Amino acid sequence: MIKTHKAPSHTPCSRGFTLIELLTVIAIIAILAAILIPAVTGVRLQAREAAKRSAYRQMFIANNMYAIDNDGMSCLVNDARSGVHEQWYYLLSPYLSKEYKGKWKAREDGIFVDSFYESPNPANKSWTGVGLNARLRLPDQNTQNAYWTTTNGSEGETLLAAITYPEKRILLGDIKRQINLTVDLIDTSRHDNKGMFVRFDGSVVLLDAKQATFSITDPAKLDLEIE
């Protein structure tokens, strides 16, 4: 019997990748990464924005609940009548849902801070980037919805039901520092040159600097078609 020798078979899997094939694979991975990474980043950004919108709505609801317990008055920006400064985020904290109440612990421990906010003073925990509107009677009156001292005749509470243009007037939103939402503190840098604000009707909107200014100083002049 004559033995025959078979030539060793070579399958595609038995050889290594060539340099060209490796470069092709690397190029494909790079292309996929270039497509997927921005998409994932965009999804995360949208999730953060949705969480912020939800938090702002919770604050709107908390303000309405505060009014029920306080003779119909909207929450004060600051209440110093007792000799101790009670900022609005402490005053609203009992009315927030469990999800958000955990972010509003005693005093400056764990106060809700806008995740889009880059504080110019990180050491000061009261700089949250979220402010409550203190000028609820503009343009008719400049009286502040606050008590900055134990007695001050130019300050006082505002009846929630008496607030005009609730569908236009800002309750709270993005500011550069802390506590008080005023024209000079409006921050419209966090959402493509717009700031996020919640109105007295509960709607959460993105406004540019001009829109936000009118929403505080003279809501009657603000066009409703801003979304």
C-alpha atoms as a PDB file:
ATOM      1  CA  MET A   1       0.000   0.000   0.000  1.00  0.00           C
ATOM      2  CA  ILE A   2       1.435   3.275  -1.102  1.00  0.00           C
ATOM      3  CA  LYS A   3       1.122   6.052   1.481  1.00  0.00           C
ATOM      4  CA  THR A   4       0.231   9.432   0.189  1.00  0.00           C
ATOM      5  CA  HIS A   5       1.042  12.671   1.961  1.00  0.00           C
ATOM      6  CA  LYS A   6      -1.697  15.264   2.071  1.00  0.00           C
ATOM      7  CA  ALA A   7      -0.666  18.850   1.902  1.00  0.00           C
ATOM      8  CA  PRO A   8      -1.637  20.687   5.092  1.00  0.00           C
ATOM      9  CA  SER A   9      -4.874  22.542   4.667  1.00  0.00           C
ATOM     10  CA  HIS A  10      -5.016  26.254   5.321  1.00  0.00           C
ATOM     11  CA  THR A  11      -8.306  27.698   6.463  1.00  0.00           C
ATOM     12  CA  PRO A  12      -8.954  31.425   6.737  1.00  0.00           C
ATOM     13  CA  CYS A  13      -8.957  31.089  10.533  1.00  0.00           C
ATOM     14  CA  SER A  14      -5.509  29.591  10.722  1.00  0.00           C
ATOM     15  CA  ARG A  15      -3.637  32.683   9.588  1.00  0.00           C
ATOM     16  CA  GLY A  16      -3.184  36.001  11.338  1.00  0.00           C
ATOM     17  CA  PHE A  17      -4.607  39.355  10.286  1.00  0.00           C
ATOM     18  CA  THR A  18      -2.641  41.323   7.792  1.00  0.00           C
ATOM     19  CA  LEU A  19      -1.681  44.903   8.555  1.00  0.00           C
ATOM     20  CA  ILE A  20      -4.285  46.191   6.110  1.00  0.00           C
ATOM     21  CA  GLU A  21      -7.016  44.138   7.778  1.00  0.00           C
ATOM     22  CA  LEU A  22      -6.026  45.393  11.228  1.00  0.00           C
ATOM     23  CA  LEU A  23      -6.046  48.977  10.034  1.00  0.00           C
ATOM     24  CA  THR A  24      -9.467  48.424   8.475  1.00  0.00           C
ATOM     25  CA  VAL A  25     -10.874  47.067  11.749  1.00  0.00           C
ATOM     26  CA  ILE A  26      -9.394  49.988  13.690  1.00  0.00           C
ATOM     27  CA  ALA A  27     -10.880  52.443  11.209  1.00  0.00           C
ATOM     28  CA  ILE A  28     -14.325  50.834  11.534  1.00  0.00           C
ATOM     29  CA  ILE A  29     -14.134  50.993  15.340  1.00  0.00           C
ATOM     30  CA  ALA A  30     -13.116  54.646  15.164  1.00  0.00           C
ATOM     31  CA  ILE A  31     -16.047  55.447  12.871  1.00  0.00           C
ATOM     32  CA  LEU A  32     -18.505  53.654  15.156  1.00  0.00           C
ATOM     33  CA  ALA A  33     -17.092  55.461  18.192  1.00  0.00           C
ATOM     34  CA  ALA A  34     -17.420  58.796  16.421  1.00  0.00           C
ATOM     35  CA  ILE A  35     -21.081  58.015  15.770  1.00  0.00           C
ATOM     36  CA  LEU A  36     -22.008  56.468  19.120  1.00  0.00           C
ATOM     37  CA  ILE A  37     -20.162  58.675  21.629  1.00  0.00           C
ATOM     38  CA  PRO A  38     -21.976  61.910  20.672  1.00  0.00           C
ATOM     39  CA  ALA A  39     -25.270  60.010  20.658  1.00  0.00           C
ATOM     40  CA  VAL A  40     -24.661  58.637  24.163  1.00  0.00           C
ATOM     41  CA  THR A  41     -23.548  62.074  25.354  1.00  0.00           C
ATOM     42  CA  GLY A  42     -26.701  63.593  23.892  1.00  0.00           C
ATOM     43  CA  VAL A  43     -28.894  61.043  25.672  1.00  0.00           C
ATOM     44  CA  ARG A  44     -27.177  61.768  28.984  1.00  0.00           C
ATOM     45  CA  LEU A  45     -27.615  65.499  28.457  1.00  0.00           C
ATOM     46  CA  GLN A  46     -31.308  65.047  27.725  1.00  0.00           C
ATOM     47  CA  ALA A  47     -31.678  62.923  30.859  1.00  0.00           C
ATOM     48  CA  ARG A  48     -30.036  65.625  32.998  1.00  0.00           C
ATOM     49  CA  GLU A  49     -32.271  68.272  31.468  1.00  0.00           C
ATOM     50  CA  ALA A  50     -35.377  66.147  32.059  1.00  0.00           C
ATOM     51  CA  ALA A  51     -34.368  65.648  35.698  1.00  0.00           C
ATOM     52  CA  LYS A  52     -33.918  69.392  36.093  1.00  0.00           C
ATOM     53  CA  ARG A  53     -37.333  70.094  34.558  1.00  0.00           C
ATOM     54  CA  SER A  54     -38.864  67.628  36.988  1.00  0.00           C
ATOM     55  CA  ALA A  55     -37.115  69.310  39.926  1.00  0.00           C
ATOM     56  CA  TYR A  56     -38.390  72.735  38.850  1.00  0.00           C
ATOM     57  CA  ARG A  57     -41.945  71.391  38.590  1.00  0.00           C
ATOM     58  CA  GLN A  58     -41.599  69.959  42.087  1.00  0.00           C
ATOM     59  CA  MET A  59     -40.627  73.414  43.348  1.00  0.00           C
ATOM     60  CA  PHE A  60     -43.695  74.915  41.653  1.00  0.00           C
ATOM     61  CA  ILE A  61     -45.931  72.350  43.363  1.00  0.00           C
ATOM     62  CA  ALA A  62     -44.164  72.981  46.674  1.00  0.00           C
ATOM     63  CA  ASN A  63     -44.856  76.720  46.361  1.00  0.00           C
ATOM     64  CA  ASN A  64     -48.574  76.055  45.872  1.00  0.00           C
ATOM     65  CA  MET A  65     -48.609  73.782  48.925  1.00  0.00           C
ATOM     66  CA  TYR A  66     -46.751  76.430  50.914  1.00  0.00           C
ATOM     67  CA  ALA A  67     -49.451  78.954  49.952  1.00  0.00           C
ATOM     68  CA  ILE A  68     -52.188  76.642  51.255  1.00  0.00           C
ATOM     69  CA  ASP A  69     -50.504  76.549  54.672  1.00  0.00           C
ATOM     70  CA  ASN A  70     -49.649  80.266  54.722  1.00  0.00           C
ATOM     71  CA  ASP A  71     -52.905  82.107  54.049  1.00  0.00           C
ATOM     72  CA  GLY A  72     -52.495  81.946  50.279  1.00  0.00           C
ATOM     73  CA  MET A  73     -49.132  83.713  50.234  1.00  0.00           C
ATOM     74  CA  SER A  74     -46.401  82.782  47.758  1.00  0.00           C
ATOM     75  CA  CYS A  75     -43.162  81.603  49.337  1.00  0.00           C
ATOM     76  CA  LEU A  76     -40.873  84.384  50.521  1.00  0.00           C
ATOM     77  CA  VAL A  77     -37.401  84.644  49.030  1.00  0.00           C
ATOM     78  CA  ASN A  78     -36.074  85.252  52.530  1.00  0.00           C
ATOM     79  CA  ASP A  79     -37.786  85.506  55.907  1.00  0.00           C
ATOM     80  CA  ALA A  80     -35.798  87.247  58.651  1.00  0.00           C
ATOM     81  CA  ARG A  81     -38.721  88.291  60.845  1.00  0.00           C
ATOM     82  CA  SER A  82     -37.635  85.894  63.576  1.00  0.00           C
ATOM     83  CA  GLY A  83     -34.094  87.253  63.496  1.00  0.00           C
ATOM     84  CA  VAL A  84     -32.863  84.186  61.591  1.00  0.00           C
ATOM     85  CA  HIS A  85     -32.593  84.240  57.794  1.00  0.00           C
ATOM     86  CA  GLU A  86     -34.785  81.491  56.319  1.00  0.00           C
ATOM     87  CA  GLN A  87     -34.174  81.259  52.577  1.00  0.00           C
ATOM     88  CA  TRP A  88     -36.874  80.046  50.217  1.00  0.00           C
ATOM     89  CA  TYR A  89     -35.329  76.621  49.664  1.00  0.00           C
ATOM     90  CA  TYR A  90     -35.589  75.913  53.402  1.00  0.00           C
ATOM     91  CA  LEU A  91     -39.149  77.218  53.504  1.00  0.00           C
ATOM     92  CA  LEU A  92     -40.206  74.960  50.605  1.00  0.00           C
ATOM     93  CA  SER A  93     -38.321  71.887  51.737  1.00  0.00           C
ATOM     94  CA  PRO A  94     -41.195  70.340  53.793  1.00  0.00           C
ATOM     95  CA  TYR A  95     -43.402  70.374  50.691  1.00  0.00           C
ATOM     96  CA  LEU A  96     -41.059  68.604  48.309  1.00  0.00           C
ATOM     97  CA  SER A  97     -41.530  64.958  47.399  1.00  0.00           C
ATOM     98  CA  LYS A  98     -39.287  62.369  49.025  1.00  0.00           C
ATOM     99  CA  GLU A  99     -37.158  62.188  45.869  1.00  0.00           C
ATOM    100  CA  TYR A 100     -36.229  65.863  46.101  1.00  0.00           C
ATOM    101  CA  LYS A 101     -36.531  66.380  49.840  1.00  0.00           C
ATOM    102  CA  GLY A 102     -33.405  64.273  50.296  1.00  0.00           C
ATOM    103  CA  LYS A 103     -31.516  66.924  48.343  1.00  0.00           C
ATOM    104  CA  TRP A 104     -32.735  69.707  50.644  1.00  0.00           C
ATOM    105  CA  LYS A 105     -31.383  68.684  54.026  1.00  0.00           C
ATOM    106  CA  ALA A 106     -30.926  70.959  57.014  1.00  0.00           C
ATOM    107  CA  ARG A 107     -29.337  74.253  56.134  1.00  0.00           C
ATOM    108  CA  GLU A 108     -26.514  74.034  53.594  1.00  0.00           C
ATOM    109  CA  ASP A 109     -26.081  70.256  53.764  1.00  0.00           C
ATOM    110  CA  GLY A 110     -27.215  68.773  50.484  1.00  0.00           C
ATOM    111  CA  ILE A 111     -29.188  71.719  49.095  1.00  0.00           C
ATOM    112  CA  PHE A 112     -30.419  71.078  45.554  1.00  0.00           C
ATOM    113  CA  VAL A 113     -27.880  72.439  43.090  1.00  0.00           C
ATOM    114  CA  ASP A 114     -28.509  72.644  39.352  1.00  0.00           C
ATOM    115  CA  SER A 115     -26.261  70.042  37.710  1.00  0.00           C
ATOM    116  CA  PHE A 116     -25.672  72.467  34.823  1.00  0.00           C
ATOM    117  CA  TYR A 117     -24.450  75.185  37.182  1.00  0.00           C
ATOM    118  CA  GLU A 118     -20.737  75.972  37.463  1.00  0.00           C
ATOM    119  CA  SER A 119     -20.435  77.996  40.631  1.00  0.00           C
ATOM    120  CA  PRO A 120     -17.877  80.817  40.722  1.00  0.00           C
ATOM    121  CA  ASN A 121     -17.625  80.096  44.446  1.00  0.00           C
ATOM    122  CA  PRO A 122     -17.737  76.292  45.026  1.00  0.00           C
ATOM    123  CA  ALA A 123     -16.840  76.735  48.691  1.00  0.00           C
ATOM    124  CA  ASN A 124     -20.141  78.519  49.316  1.00  0.00           C
ATOM    125  CA  LYS A 125     -22.810  75.812  49.296  1.00  0.00           C
ATOM    126  CA  SER A 126     -25.633  78.343  49.237  1.00  0.00           C
ATOM    127  CA  TRP A 127     -24.650  79.260  45.659  1.00  0.00           C
ATOM    128  CA  THR A 128     -27.022  76.785  44.037  1.00  0.00           C
ATOM    129  CA  GLY A 129     -27.612  78.503  40.696  1.00  0.00           C
ATOM    130  CA  VAL A 130     -31.378  78.519  41.326  1.00  0.00           C
ATOM    131  CA  GLY A 131     -33.217  81.666  42.418  1.00  0.00           C
ATOM    132  CA  LEU A 132     -36.757  82.638  43.408  1.00  0.00           C
ATOM    133  CA  ASN A 133     -38.339  85.741  41.899  1.00  0.00           C
ATOM    134  CA  ALA A 134     -38.629  88.475  44.540  1.00  0.00           C
ATOM    135  CA  ARG A 135     -40.203  91.144  42.306  1.00  0.00           C
ATOM    136  CA  LEU A 136     -43.673  89.683  41.902  1.00  0.00           C
ATOM    137  CA  ARG A 137     -45.477  93.022  41.531  1.00  0.00           C
ATOM    138  CA  LEU A 138     -43.476  94.523  38.687  1.00  0.00           C
ATOM    139  CA  PRO A 139     -43.976  96.732  36.749  1.00  0.00           C
ATOM    140  CA  ASP A 140     -46.561  98.318  39.083  1.00  0.00           C
ATOM    141  CA  GLN A 141     -44.602  98.012  42.328  1.00  0.00           C
ATOM    142  CA  ASN A 142     -40.979  97.324  43.185  1.00  0.00           C
ATOM    143  CA  THR A 143     -41.814  95.785  46.571  1.00  0.00           C
ATOM    144  CA  GLN A 144     -39.845  92.630  47.262  1.00  0.00           C
ATOM    145  CA  ASN A 145     -41.504  89.366  48.231  1.00  0.00           C
ATOM    146  CA  ALA A 146     -39.133  88.986  51.167  1.00  0.00           C
ATOM    147  CA  TYR A 147     -38.217  90.107  54.666  1.00  0.00           C
ATOM    148  CA  TRP A 148     -34.497  90.856  54.697  1.00  0.00           C
ATOM    149  CA  THR A 149     -34.665  92.362  58.186  1.00  0.00           C
ATOM    150  CA  THR A 150     -36.960  92.003  61.190  1.00  0.00           C
ATOM    151  CA  THR A 151     -38.856  95.149  60.165  1.00  0.00           C
ATOM    152  CA  ASN A 152     -38.853  96.767  56.746  1.00  0.00           C
ATOM    153  CA  GLY A 153     -41.773  98.652  55.263  1.00  0.00           C
ATOM    154  CA  SER A 154     -40.686  98.177  51.634  1.00  0.00           C
ATOM    155  CA  GLU A 155     -40.871  94.404  51.878  1.00  0.00           C
ATOM    156  CA  GLY A 156     -43.680  91.944  52.416  1.00  0.00           C
ATOM    157  CA  GLU A 157     -45.603  88.855  51.356  1.00  0.00           C
ATOM    158  CA  THR A 158     -47.489  88.503  48.073  1.00  0.00           C
ATOM    159  CA  LEU A 159     -50.824  86.755  47.661  1.00  0.00           C
ATOM    160  CA  LEU A 160     -50.372  83.942  45.141  1.00  0.00           C
ATOM    161  CA  ALA A 161     -53.825  84.465  43.619  1.00  0.00           C
ATOM    162  CA  ALA A 162     -53.058  88.160  43.066  1.00  0.00           C
ATOM    163  CA  ILE A 163     -49.990  87.552  40.906  1.00  0.00           C
ATOM    164  CA  THR A 164     -50.703  88.812  37.389  1.00  0.00           C
ATOM    165  CA  TYR A 165     -49.744  87.046  34.156  1.00  0.00           C
ATOM    166  CA  PRO A 166     -48.987  83.657  35.768  1.00  0.00           C
ATOM    167  CA  GLU A 167     -48.610  82.146  32.287  1.00  0.00           C
ATOM    168  CA  LYS A 168     -45.722  84.559  31.625  1.00  0.00           C
ATOM    169  CA  ARG A 169     -44.269  85.565  34.991  1.00  0.00           C
ATOM    170  CA  ILE A 170     -41.295  83.559  36.284  1.00  0.00           C
ATOM    171  CA  LEU A 171     -41.510  81.860  39.680  1.00  0.00           C
ATOM    172  CA  LEU A 172     -37.916  80.632  39.784  1.00  0.00           C
ATOM    173  CA  GLY A 173     -35.040  79.586  37.573  1.00  0.00           C
ATOM    174  CA  ASP A 174     -31.394  79.821  36.583  1.00  0.00           C
ATOM    175  CA  ILE A 175     -29.301  82.505  38.263  1.00  0.00           C
ATOM    176  CA  LYS A 176     -25.581  83.249  38.555  1.00  0.00           C
ATOM    177  CA  ARG A 177     -25.347  82.983  42.319  1.00  0.00           C
ATOM    178  CA  GLN A 178     -27.924  82.224  44.982  1.00  0.00           C
ATOM    179  CA  ILE A 179     -31.353  82.880  46.478  1.00  0.00           C
ATOM    180  CA  ASN A 180     -32.746  85.861  44.554  1.00  0.00           C
ATOM    181  CA  LEU A 181     -33.841  85.865  40.894  1.00  0.00           C
ATOM    182  CA  THR A 182     -33.309  89.406  39.614  1.00  0.00           C
ATOM    183  CA  VAL A 183     -32.565  90.817  36.172  1.00  0.00           C
ATOM    184  CA  ASP A 184     -28.872  91.295  36.919  1.00  0.00           C
ATOM    185  CA  LEU A 185     -28.541  87.690  38.136  1.00  0.00           C
ATOM    186  CA  ILE A 186     -30.332  85.924  35.263  1.00  0.00           C
ATOM    187  CA  ASP A 187     -28.191  83.127  33.817  1.00  0.00           C
ATOM    188  CA  THR A 188     -28.877  82.117  30.207  1.00  0.00           C
ATOM    189  CA  SER A 189     -25.644  80.227  29.579  1.00  0.00           C
ATOM    190  CA  ARG A 190     -26.613  76.652  30.485  1.00  0.00           C
ATOM    191  CA  HIS A 191     -28.923  75.538  27.687  1.00  0.00           C
ATOM    192  CA  ASP A 192     -27.626  76.832  24.346  1.00  0.00           C
ATOM    193  CA  ASN A 193     -27.729  80.502  25.365  1.00  0.00           C
ATOM    194  CA  LYS A 194     -30.949  80.037  27.281  1.00  0.00           C
ATOM    195  CA  GLY A 195     -31.873  79.541  30.903  1.00  0.00           C
ATOM    196  CA  MET A 196     -34.482  77.217  32.367  1.00  0.00           C
ATOM    197  CA  PHE A 197     -37.350  78.761  34.307  1.00  0.00           C
ATOM    198  CA  VAL A 198     -40.700  77.688  35.742  1.00  0.00           C
ATOM    199  CA  ARG A 199     -43.642  80.078  35.539  1.00  0.00           C
ATOM    200  CA  PHE A 200     -46.468  80.594  37.981  1.00  0.00           C
ATOM    201  CA  ASP A 201     -48.715  78.405  35.812  1.00  0.00           C
ATOM    202  CA  GLY A 202     -46.307  75.473  36.247  1.00  0.00           C
ATOM    203  CA  SER A 203     -44.853  75.482  32.739  1.00  0.00           C
ATOM    204  CA  VAL A 204     -41.096  74.944  32.487  1.00  0.00           C
ATOM    205  CA  VAL A 205     -39.488  76.852  29.618  1.00  0.00           C
ATOM    206  CA  LEU A 206     -36.129  77.799  28.139  1.00  0.00           C
ATOM    207  CA  LEU A 207     -35.763  81.569  27.711  1.00  0.00           C
ATOM    208  CA  ASP A 208     -33.063  83.805  26.317  1.00  0.00           C
ATOM    209  CA  ALA A 209     -31.881  86.868  28.247  1.00  0.00           C
ATOM    210  CA  LYS A 210     -34.437  89.261  26.732  1.00  0.00           C
ATOM    211  CA  GLN A 211     -37.362  86.915  27.289  1.00  0.00           C
ATOM    212  CA  ALA A 212     -36.322  86.192  30.867  1.00  0.00           C
ATOM    213  CA  THR A 213     -35.926  89.903  31.593  1.00  0.00           C
ATOM    214  CA  PHE A 214     -39.445  90.716  30.377  1.00  0.00           C
ATOM    215  CA  SER A 215     -40.789  87.715  32.305  1.00  0.00           C
ATOM    216  CA  ILE A 216     -39.591  89.462  35.477  1.00  0.00           C
ATOM    217  CA  THR A 217     -39.922  93.181  34.785  1.00  0.00           C
ATOM    218  CA  ASP A 218     -43.028  93.417  32.574  1.00  0.00           C
ATOM    219  CA  PRO A 219     -44.626  90.084  31.614  1.00  0.00           C
ATOM    220  CA  ALA A 220     -47.403  91.815  29.662  1.00  0.00           C
ATOM    221  CA  LYS A 221     -44.870  92.699  26.972  1.00  0.00           C
ATOM    222  CA  LEU A 222     -43.675  89.132  26.561  1.00  0.00           C
ATOM    223  CA  ASP A 223     -44.915  87.250  23.527  1.00  0.00           C
ATOM    224  CA  LEU A 224     -46.347  83.887  24.571  1.00  0.00           C
ATOM    225  CA  GLU A 225     -45.021  82.195  21.441  1.00  0.00           C
ATOM    226  CA  ILE A 226     -41.507  81.626  22.788  1.00  0.00           C
ATOM    227  CA  GLU A 227     -41.109  77.853  22.847  1.00  0.00           C
END
